[in-house]
Amino acid sequence: MTLAEYYAVAYPDVSPSGADQQFADKIGVARWSVTRYRKFLHYPTPTVWARIKHATKGLVTADDHLPAIAKTQPAMAARSKPAQKRGKAAVKKRAKR
């Protein structure tokens, strides 16, 4: 279950931004952070995920957000290249440091 789906169950009569504020207060982060988590614009740290899982009694987990993150921001998965594929130029720059 995603945060948006959880809000529909837990906060049925509250606007999304109002639900973000209430949930942010519950887990101890800023409202804008929760908004970004809900919209898949940012991925929470493991500590925050533990708080989210505890606050939702296990209904919302990090695994529920992984496919959505990959679909909305595929470039994030491609950013990090293994060291052997970086090329000679990158190795030379590191050697100069």
Protein backbone atom coordinates (compact mmCIF):
# COMPACT_ATOMS: atom_id res chain seq x y z
CA MET A 1 0.00 0.00 0.00
CA THR A 2 1.35 3.42 -0.92
CA LEU A 3 1.04 6.53 1.22
CA ALA A 4 -1.71 7.89 -1.04
CA GLU A 5 -3.70 4.67 -0.63
CA TYR A 6 -3.13 4.75 3.13
CA TYR A 7 -4.39 8.33 3.30
CA ALA A 8 -7.62 7.31 1.57
CA VAL A 9 -8.25 4.82 4.40
CA ALA A 10 -6.79 6.66 7.41
CA TYR A 11 -7.73 10.26 6.53
CA PRO A 12 -10.84 9.97 4.30
CA ASP A 13 -12.22 13.47 4.97
CA VAL A 14 -8.90 15.36 4.91
CA SER A 15 -7.22 16.97 1.90
CA PRO A 16 -3.92 15.42 0.78
CA SER A 17 -1.89 18.34 2.15
CA GLY A 18 -3.78 18.18 5.45
CA ALA A 19 -3.15 14.44 5.64
CA ASP A 20 0.53 15.09 4.85
CA GLN A 21 0.71 17.47 7.81
CA GLN A 22 -0.99 15.09 10.22
CA PHE A 23 1.16 12.17 9.10
CA ALA A 24 4.33 14.28 9.22
CA ASP A 25 3.56 15.21 12.82
CA LYS A 26 3.01 11.54 13.59
CA ILE A 27 6.40 10.40 12.22
CA GLY A 28 8.41 13.50 13.14
CA VAL A 29 9.40 14.94 9.76
CA ALA A 30 8.48 18.07 7.79
CA ARG A 31 5.21 18.17 5.85
CA TRP A 32 6.96 18.85 2.57
CA SER A 33 9.04 15.69 3.06
CA VAL A 34 5.93 13.56 3.39
CA THR A 35 4.43 15.27 0.34
CA ARG A 36 7.51 14.35 -1.67
CA TYR A 37 7.36 10.75 -0.41
CA ARG A 38 3.69 10.50 -1.39
CA LYS A 39 4.36 11.87 -4.88
CA PHE A 40 7.44 9.63 -5.35
CA LEU A 41 9.72 12.64 -5.74
CA HIS A 42 11.98 11.61 -2.86
CA TYR A 43 12.80 8.33 -1.15
CA PRO A 44 12.90 8.29 2.67
CA THR A 45 15.90 7.12 4.65
CA PRO A 46 15.74 3.69 6.32
CA THR A 47 15.09 5.39 9.67
CA VAL A 48 12.10 7.28 8.29
CA TRP A 49 10.83 4.11 6.60
CA ALA A 50 10.87 2.40 9.97
CA ARG A 51 8.78 5.25 11.40
CA ILE A 52 6.35 5.07 8.47
CA LYS A 53 5.97 1.32 8.84
CA HIS A 54 5.39 1.65 12.59
CA ALA A 55 2.91 4.54 12.22
CA THR A 56 0.89 2.67 9.61
CA LYS A 57 1.04 -0.62 11.56
CA GLY A 58 2.92 -2.26 8.70
CA LEU A 59 0.48 -1.30 5.95
CA VAL A 60 2.95 0.96 4.12
CA THR A 61 6.44 -0.43 3.53
CA ALA A 62 9.44 0.55 1.46
CA ASP A 63 8.81 -2.37 -0.90
CA ASP A 64 5.48 -0.86 -1.89
CA HIS A 65 7.26 2.24 -3.17
CA LEU A 66 10.16 0.63 -5.01
CA PRO A 67 8.37 -0.14 -8.30
CA ALA A 68 6.85 3.34 -8.40
CA ILE A 69 10.24 4.97 -7.81
CA ALA A 70 11.76 2.95 -10.64
CA LYS A 71 8.92 3.93 -13.00
CA THR A 72 8.88 7.63 -12.17
CA GLN A 73 12.65 8.17 -11.92
CA PRO A 74 14.51 5.55 -13.99
CA ALA A 75 17.57 7.79 -14.16
CA MET A 76 18.18 7.26 -10.44
CA ALA A 77 18.88 3.58 -11.03
CA ALA A 78 21.31 4.35 -13.84
CA ARG A 79 23.35 7.05 -12.04
CA SER A 80 25.83 4.80 -10.33
CA LYS A 81 28.12 2.85 -12.63
CA PRO A 82 30.39 0.08 -11.43
CA ALA A 83 34.03 1.12 -11.09
CA GLN A 84 35.21 -1.14 -13.92
CA LYS A 85 32.90 0.61 -16.42
CA ARG A 86 33.86 4.20 -15.60
CA GLY A 87 36.77 4.31 -18.01
CA LYS A 88 40.38 5.36 -17.84
CA ALA A 89 39.65 9.08 -17.47
CA ALA A 90 37.85 8.55 -14.17
CA VAL A 91 40.69 6.39 -12.88
CA LYS A 92 43.23 9.08 -13.80
CA LYS A 93 41.21 11.80 -12.01
CA ARG A 94 41.08 9.73 -8.83
CA ALA A 95 44.81 9.05 -9.00
CA LYS A 96 45.57 12.81 -9.13
CA ARG A 97 43.63 13.52 -5.96
